[in-house]
Protein backbone atom coordinates (compact mmCIF):
# COMPACT_ATOMS: atom_id res chain seq x y z
CA UNK A 1 0.00 0.00 0.00
CA UNK A 2 1.48 3.40 -0.93
CA UNK A 3 1.94 6.02 1.73
CA UNK A 4 2.92 9.68 1.86
CA UNK A 5 6.58 8.79 1.32
CA UNK A 6 6.13 6.34 -1.54
CA UNK A 7 7.80 7.44 -4.78
CA UNK A 8 5.67 8.23 -7.83
CA UNK A 9 6.85 8.23 -11.44
CA UNK A 10 5.00 10.49 -13.87
CA UNK A 11 6.35 10.41 -17.42
CA UNK A 12 10.09 11.21 -17.20
CA UNK A 13 9.96 12.52 -13.63
CA UNK A 14 10.21 10.45 -10.46
CA UNK A 15 9.02 12.09 -7.27
CA UNK A 16 10.61 10.80 -4.08
CA UNK A 17 7.38 11.23 -2.11
CA UNK A 18 3.83 12.53 -2.58
CA UNK A 19 4.28 16.00 -1.02
CA UNK A 20 4.02 18.98 -3.34
CA UNK A 21 4.69 22.62 -2.53
CA UNK A 22 1.52 24.20 -3.83
CA UNK A 23 1.89 27.39 -5.89
CA UNK A 24 1.66 30.33 -3.48
CA UNK A 25 1.75 33.97 -4.58
CA UNK A 26 4.62 35.92 -3.04
CA UNK A 27 3.99 39.34 -4.62
CA UNK A 28 7.72 40.07 -4.40
CA UNK A 29 8.94 40.61 -7.97
CA UNK A 30 9.90 43.69 -9.93
CA UNK A 31 8.98 43.48 -13.62
CA UNK A 32 8.35 39.76 -13.22
CA UNK A 33 11.91 38.89 -12.18
CA UNK A 34 12.67 36.25 -9.56
CA UNK A 35 15.10 37.33 -6.86
CA UNK A 36 16.70 36.17 -3.60
CA UNK A 37 13.29 35.94 -1.91
CA UNK A 38 12.15 33.32 -4.40
CA UNK A 39 15.42 31.42 -4.16
CA UNK A 40 15.16 31.17 -0.38
CA UNK A 41 11.39 30.61 -0.30
CA UNK A 42 11.39 27.79 -2.86
CA UNK A 43 14.82 26.46 -1.94
CA UNK A 44 13.99 26.06 1.73
CA UNK A 45 10.95 23.92 0.90
CA UNK A 46 13.19 21.70 -1.24
CA UNK A 47 15.63 21.42 1.67
CA UNK A 48 12.62 20.61 3.85
CA UNK A 49 11.89 17.41 1.97
CA UNK A 50 9.09 18.16 -0.48
CA UNK A 51 9.27 16.13 -3.68
CA UNK A 52 7.90 18.73 -6.10
CA UNK A 53 8.30 22.47 -5.59
CA UNK A 54 6.07 24.79 -7.63
CA UNK A 55 6.62 28.46 -8.21
CA UNK A 56 3.76 30.81 -7.55
CA UNK A 57 1.35 31.52 -10.40
CA UNK A 58 3.77 32.85 -13.01
CA UNK A 59 2.36 35.30 -15.50
CA UNK A 60 2.75 34.56 -19.21
CA UNK A 61 2.32 38.26 -20.01
CA UNK A 62 2.64 41.52 -18.06
CA UNK A 63 -1.12 42.06 -18.18
CA UNK A 64 -1.64 38.50 -16.94
CA UNK A 65 -0.30 39.35 -13.48
CA UNK A 66 -2.55 39.54 -10.45
CA UNK A 67 -0.41 42.39 -9.13
CA UNK A 68 2.49 44.40 -10.53
CA UNK A 69 4.71 42.41 -8.15
CA UNK A 70 3.91 38.95 -9.57
CA UNK A 71 6.51 36.55 -10.93
CA UNK A 72 6.70 36.44 -14.72
CA UNK A 73 7.91 34.33 -17.62
CA UNK A 74 7.09 36.65 -20.54
CA UNK A 75 10.64 37.52 -21.58
CA UNK A 76 13.96 35.75 -21.92
CA UNK A 77 15.53 37.95 -19.26
CA UNK A 78 13.49 36.07 -16.65
CA UNK A 79 15.29 32.80 -17.39
CA UNK A 80 18.75 33.14 -15.76
CA UNK A 81 17.68 33.68 -12.15
CA UNK A 82 14.94 31.07 -12.47
CA UNK A 83 17.60 28.63 -13.67
CA UNK A 84 19.60 29.33 -10.53
CA UNK A 85 16.51 28.37 -8.50
CA UNK A 86 15.78 25.17 -10.42
CA UNK A 87 19.38 24.04 -10.11
CA UNK A 88 19.29 24.52 -6.35
CA UNK A 89 15.98 22.68 -6.00
CA UNK A 90 17.31 19.71 -7.96
CA UNK A 91 20.48 19.57 -5.86
CA UNK A 92 18.21 18.93 -2.86
CA UNK A 93 16.62 15.91 -4.57
CA UNK A 94 13.39 17.73 -5.38
CA UNK A 95 11.77 18.48 -8.73
CA UNK A 96 11.20 22.10 -9.82
CA UNK A 97 7.77 22.95 -11.23
CA UNK A 98 6.27 26.12 -12.64
CA UNK A 99 2.62 27.13 -12.70
CA UNK A 100 1.75 29.17 -15.80
CA UNK A 101 -1.03 31.69 -15.31
CA UNK A 102 -3.04 34.62 -16.60
CA UNK A 103 -5.20 36.48 -14.08
CA UNK A 104 -7.80 37.79 -16.51
CA UNK A 105 -10.39 40.03 -14.84
CA UNK A 106 -8.74 39.63 -11.43
CA UNK A 107 -5.54 41.36 -12.52
CA UNK A 108 -4.08 44.84 -11.89
CA UNK A 109 -4.60 44.61 -8.12
CA UNK A 110 -2.28 45.63 -5.29
CA UNK A 111 -0.46 43.26 -2.96
CA UNK A 112 -2.73 41.85 -0.22
CA UNK A 113 -0.83 43.69 2.52
CA UNK A 114 -1.46 46.91 0.57
CA UNK A 115 -5.20 46.35 0.72
CA UNK A 116 -5.83 44.29 -2.43
CA UNK A 117 -7.08 47.40 -4.23
CA UNK A 118 -7.29 48.31 -7.88
CA UNK A 119 -4.01 49.59 -9.29
CA UNK A 120 -4.83 52.36 -11.74
CA UNK A 121 -3.08 52.60 -15.07
CA UNK A 122 -1.46 55.82 -13.86
CA UNK A 123 -0.01 53.98 -10.85
CA UNK A 124 1.46 51.11 -12.87
CA UNK A 125 -1.66 49.05 -13.55
CA UNK A 126 -3.21 48.14 -16.90
CA UNK A 127 -6.45 47.47 -18.73
CA UNK A 128 -7.80 44.05 -17.82
CA UNK A 129 -9.37 41.52 -20.18
CA UNK A 130 -11.71 38.58 -19.78
CA UNK A 131 -14.03 36.37 -21.84
CA UNK A 132 -16.82 38.86 -21.19
CA UNK A 133 -17.06 42.43 -19.92
CA UNK A 134 -18.19 41.34 -16.45
CA UNK A 135 -16.23 42.42 -13.36
CA UNK A 136 -15.54 39.97 -10.54
CA UNK A 137 -17.21 42.44 -8.19
CA UNK A 138 -17.28 46.17 -7.49
CA UNK A 139 -13.78 46.13 -6.05
CA UNK A 140 -12.22 45.06 -9.37
CA UNK A 141 -11.82 46.72 -12.75
CA UNK A 142 -14.45 46.09 -15.41
CA UNK A 143 -12.67 43.97 -18.03
CA UNK A 144 -12.71 44.40 -21.76
CA UNK A 145 -14.03 41.42 -23.71
CA UNK A 146 -11.21 39.61 -25.50
CA UNK A 147 -11.30 39.59 -29.28
CA UNK A 148 -10.45 36.43 -31.20
CA UNK A 149 -6.97 37.73 -32.15
CA UNK A 150 -6.35 38.63 -28.50
CA UNK A 151 -7.36 35.12 -27.44
CA UNK A 152 -4.94 33.64 -29.97
CA UNK A 153 -2.19 35.91 -28.64
CA UNK A 154 -2.70 34.62 -25.09
CA UNK A 155 -2.59 31.02 -26.32
CA UNK A 156 0.77 31.88 -27.91
CA UNK A 157 1.89 33.53 -24.65
CA UNK A 158 1.32 30.25 -22.81
CA UNK A 159 3.41 28.39 -25.38
CA UNK A 160 6.20 30.96 -25.15
CA UNK A 161 6.12 30.77 -21.35
CA UNK A 162 6.34 26.99 -21.45
CA UNK A 163 9.39 27.12 -23.70
CA UNK A 164 11.11 29.62 -21.39
CA UNK A 165 10.25 27.46 -18.37
CA UNK A 166 11.89 24.52 -20.12
CA UNK A 167 15.01 26.57 -20.78
CA UNK A 168 15.04 27.62 -17.12
CA UNK A 169 15.20 23.97 -16.03
CA UNK A 170 11.67 23.29 -14.82
CA UNK A 171 10.66 19.64 -15.07
CA UNK A 172 6.90 19.87 -14.44
CA UNK A 173 4.44 22.48 -15.68
CA UNK A 174 1.01 23.24 -14.30
CA UNK A 175 -1.61 25.31 -16.10
CA UNK A 176 -3.59 27.50 -13.71
CA UNK A 177 -7.23 26.95 -14.61
CA UNK A 178 -8.71 27.75 -11.21
CA UNK A 179 -9.60 30.46 -8.68
CA UNK A 180 -11.37 32.83 -11.01
CA UNK A 181 -8.41 33.58 -13.25
CA UNK A 182 -8.62 33.71 -17.02
CA UNK A 183 -8.99 30.03 -17.93
CA UNK A 184 -11.52 29.51 -15.12
CA UNK A 185 -13.39 32.57 -16.41
CA UNK A 186 -13.74 30.92 -19.81
CA UNK A 187 -14.84 27.59 -18.31
CA UNK A 188 -17.58 29.01 -16.10
CA UNK A 189 -21.02 30.02 -17.39
CA UNK A 190 -21.08 32.56 -14.56
CA UNK A 191 -18.29 34.63 -16.14
CA UNK A 192 -18.40 33.57 -19.80
CA UNK A 193 -21.45 34.94 -21.60
CA UNK A 194 -19.87 35.05 -25.05
CA UNK A 195 -21.96 34.22 -28.11
CA UNK A 196 -19.14 32.98 -30.34
CA UNK A 197 -17.16 29.72 -30.50
CA UNK A 198 -15.60 30.41 -27.07
CA UNK A 199 -18.88 30.75 -25.18
CA UNK A 200 -22.24 29.13 -24.60
CA UNK A 201 -21.95 25.35 -24.72
CA UNK A 202 -19.61 23.25 -22.59
CA UNK A 203 -17.51 22.38 -25.63
CA UNK A 204 -17.16 26.04 -26.53
CA UNK A 205 -16.25 27.12 -22.99
CA UNK A 206 -13.44 24.55 -22.75
CA UNK A 207 -12.07 25.48 -26.18
CA UNK A 208 -9.63 28.12 -24.84
CA UNK A 209 -8.15 25.65 -22.36
CA UNK A 210 -7.77 22.93 -24.99
CA UNK A 211 -6.03 25.36 -27.34
CA UNK A 212 -3.60 26.32 -24.57
CA UNK A 213 -2.86 22.65 -23.83
CA UNK A 214 -2.25 21.93 -27.50
CA UNK A 215 -0.03 24.97 -27.88
CA UNK A 216 2.06 24.10 -24.82
CA UNK A 217 2.48 20.52 -25.96
CA UNK A 218 4.15 21.74 -29.15
CA UNK A 219 7.17 22.78 -27.05
CA UNK A 220 6.60 20.82 -23.81
CA UNK A 221 6.70 17.41 -25.43
CA UNK A 222 4.87 14.25 -24.40
CA UNK A 223 7.53 12.85 -22.08
CA UNK A 224 7.28 15.93 -19.82
CA UNK A 225 4.58 16.02 -17.11
CA UNK A 226 1.83 18.61 -17.57
CA UNK A 227 -0.66 19.26 -14.77
CA UNK A 228 -3.82 21.34 -14.67
CA UNK A 229 -5.23 23.08 -11.61
CA UNK A 230 -9.00 23.50 -11.69
CA UNK A 231 -11.68 24.85 -9.43
CA UNK A 232 -13.57 21.56 -9.28
CA UNK A 233 -16.71 23.39 -8.21
CA UNK A 234 -17.83 26.97 -7.77
CA UNK A 235 -20.15 25.89 -4.95
CA UNK A 236 -23.29 27.17 -6.71
CA UNK A 237 -25.54 25.41 -9.21
CA UNK A 238 -25.34 28.29 -11.68
CA UNK A 239 -21.55 28.01 -11.99
CA UNK A 240 -19.03 25.33 -12.86
CA UNK A 241 -19.89 22.10 -11.04
CA UNK A 242 -18.17 18.90 -9.98
CA UNK A 243 -19.99 17.09 -12.77
CA UNK A 244 -18.49 19.57 -15.23
CA UNK A 245 -15.06 18.79 -13.81
CA UNK A 246 -15.54 15.07 -14.29
CA UNK A 247 -16.74 15.69 -17.84
CA UNK A 248 -13.69 17.88 -18.48
CA UNK A 249 -11.38 15.24 -17.03
CA UNK A 250 -12.76 12.67 -19.46
CA UNK A 251 -11.79 15.01 -22.29
CA UNK A 252 -8.38 15.73 -20.81
CA UNK A 253 -7.52 12.03 -20.67
CA UNK A 254 -7.02 12.28 -24.42
CA UNK A 255 -5.33 15.70 -24.34
CA UNK A 256 -2.06 14.80 -22.61
CA UNK A 257 -2.81 16.23 -19.18
CA UNK A 258 -1.08 13.96 -16.67
CA UNK A 259 -2.66 15.09 -13.39
CA UNK A 260 -5.57 17.27 -12.27
CA UNK A 261 -4.88 19.41 -9.21
CA UNK A 262 -8.29 19.80 -7.57
CA UNK A 263 -9.02 23.09 -5.84
CA UNK A 264 -12.33 24.99 -5.84
CA UNK A 265 -14.02 28.38 -5.86
CA UNK A 266 -12.63 31.82 -6.57
CA UNK A 267 -14.68 32.84 -9.59
CA UNK A 268 -17.97 33.84 -7.95
CA UNK A 269 -17.87 36.32 -5.03
CA UNK A 270 -19.57 35.88 -1.66
CA UNK A 271 -20.04 32.13 -1.93
CA UNK A 272 -20.36 30.44 1.45
CA UNK A 273 -17.91 27.55 1.82
CA UNK A 274 -17.52 25.49 4.98
CA UNK A 275 -13.76 25.52 5.49
CA UNK A 276 -12.48 22.50 7.37
CA UNK A 277 -9.55 20.09 7.06
CA UNK A 278 -9.57 18.12 3.81
CA UNK A 279 -12.71 19.93 2.59
CA UNK A 280 -11.58 19.75 -1.04
CA UNK A 281 -10.16 16.22 -1.00
CA UNK A 282 -13.45 14.60 -2.16
CA UNK A 283 -13.10 16.39 -5.50
CA UNK A 284 -9.74 14.74 -6.14
CA UNK A 285 -11.14 11.40 -4.99
CA UNK A 286 -14.27 11.58 -7.13
CA UNK A 287 -12.47 12.68 -10.31
CA UNK A 288 -9.86 9.96 -9.80
CA UNK A 289 -12.49 7.27 -9.33
CA UNK A 290 -14.67 8.46 -12.20
CA UNK A 291 -11.91 8.83 -14.79
CA UNK A 292 -8.85 6.92 -13.64
CA UNK A 293 -6.73 10.06 -13.96
CA UNK A 294 -4.03 11.00 -11.48
CA UNK A 295 -5.22 13.73 -9.14
CA UNK A 296 -3.82 16.04 -6.50
CA UNK A 297 -5.60 17.03 -3.30
CA UNK A 298 -5.26 20.51 -1.83
CA UNK A 299 -6.90 22.58 0.89
CA UNK A 300 -6.34 22.77 4.66
CA UNK A 301 -4.13 19.69 4.81
CA UNK A 302 -2.27 20.43 8.02
CA UNK A 303 -1.01 17.22 9.61
CA UNK A 304 1.09 14.25 8.63
CA UNK A 305 -1.82 11.95 9.41
CA UNK A 306 -4.21 13.88 7.19
CA UNK A 307 -1.78 13.93 4.29
CA UNK A 308 -0.90 10.26 4.68
CA UNK A 309 -4.54 9.17 4.84
CA UNK A 310 -5.21 10.75 1.43
CA UNK A 311 -2.54 8.58 -0.17
CA UNK A 312 -3.16 5.40 1.83
CA UNK A 313 -6.89 5.54 1.10
CA UNK A 314 -6.26 6.19 -2.60
CA UNK A 315 -8.16 9.48 -2.57
CA UNK A 316 -5.46 11.23 -4.59
CA UNK A 317 -1.96 10.59 -5.91
CA UNK A 318 -0.28 13.76 -4.67
CA UNK A 319 -0.88 16.10 -1.75
CA UNK A 320 -0.47 19.81 -2.49
CA UNK A 321 0.33 21.70 0.70
CA UNK A 322 0.34 25.49 0.99
CA UNK A 323 -0.10 27.31 4.30
CA UNK A 324 1.29 24.52 6.43
CA UNK A 325 4.49 24.76 4.40
CA UNK A 326 4.56 28.50 5.03
CA UNK A 327 4.35 27.81 8.73
CA UNK A 328 6.88 25.01 8.57
CA UNK A 329 9.13 24.59 5.51
CA UNK A 330 10.39 21.31 7.02
CA UNK A 331 6.94 19.75 7.32
CA UNK A 332 7.93 16.74 5.15
CA UNK A 333 10.93 15.87 7.34
CA UNK A 334 8.84 16.16 10.48
CA UNK A 335 5.94 14.25 8.93
CA UNK A 336 8.17 11.28 8.18
CA UNK A 337 9.27 11.21 11.80
CA UNK A 338 5.66 11.36 13.00
CA UNK A 339 4.71 8.51 10.69
CA UNK A 340 7.72 6.46 11.81
CA UNK A 341 9.20 6.39 8.30
CA UNK A 342 12.93 6.76 7.69
CA UNK A 343 13.88 9.19 4.93
CA UNK A 344 17.22 10.86 4.18
CA UNK A 345 17.78 14.33 5.61
CA UNK A 346 20.09 16.90 4.06
CA UNK A 347 23.55 15.93 5.23
CA UNK A 348 23.99 19.41 6.70
CA UNK A 349 21.02 18.73 9.02
CA UNK A 350 21.57 15.08 9.89
CA UNK A 351 22.90 15.86 13.37
CA UNK A 352 19.45 17.22 14.25
CA UNK A 353 17.55 14.18 13.00
CA UNK A 354 15.77 12.11 15.61
CA UNK A 355 16.71 8.52 14.82
CA UNK A 356 14.24 5.74 15.38
CA UNK A 357 15.30 3.03 17.79
């Protein structure tokens, strides 16, 4: 029976355990460039024993950023420092991953600690775009509806970002299709009210995503793992539902997506969600059972026992951990000790390891 520290091979990548550093926005870049903060933030989680370390949502274009301080991959100048980070992560026995993203109508906002307010064009913000000219709520800019040529340009931006990520040494890519950002906006009937081939029916609403996948796969070839993060439900009947996610997963089985990372929400404001440990894990379990696809569980996974139970009970194949890894970058090392499983520690830290008798 697999457990949290069982290896998992996906395409040409072998993960030493099932713990993934979930993409977490740091809002600490200038002009999209990674810096020492990102090296230490991501590097320390690799030192801490995680198998796969994802960057934050990394914008494929300047206007695809959530905030002006987001990480970017829209120009070649971003590559060298990112390569320094991937090389360090790999030296710790972990795998570097990048999440490619476009924020759509939720872009041009300030850092959370600056109030998460609209950043005007005069203050360094930009015009925002979305499938339809519908704002997330009154605290966000009203987006402009994307034209067909603009849609095609964004598809190309994802391909270009994937190629740069490859050159920077990333071994796994994840497409951000969740949390109310651009791809999620196209998927959901709550935010996509287009009347053309990108709106209306289910097949039309998933078209943008499928074009992005196809475009990325032209440069991120079949042997390289490609994940997709989705909001598995929007928690309201009028939005994207779990049944839609299962239907999408059946399509993706033939579209070279290797794992679905199952989050939820973020596209419809003021939705009431009962937050509790493992509250999103059933989405990963249900999609896995319905389709046979590999899935990742995410959301308030705080203890070694919780994380291990997800793997042992075959509810998901990977566990994506966010806030707990902010609180404790060495959660994987400590979790192994709690579960009475021997794993190697960094040689520099071995003198602190509690050996089992």
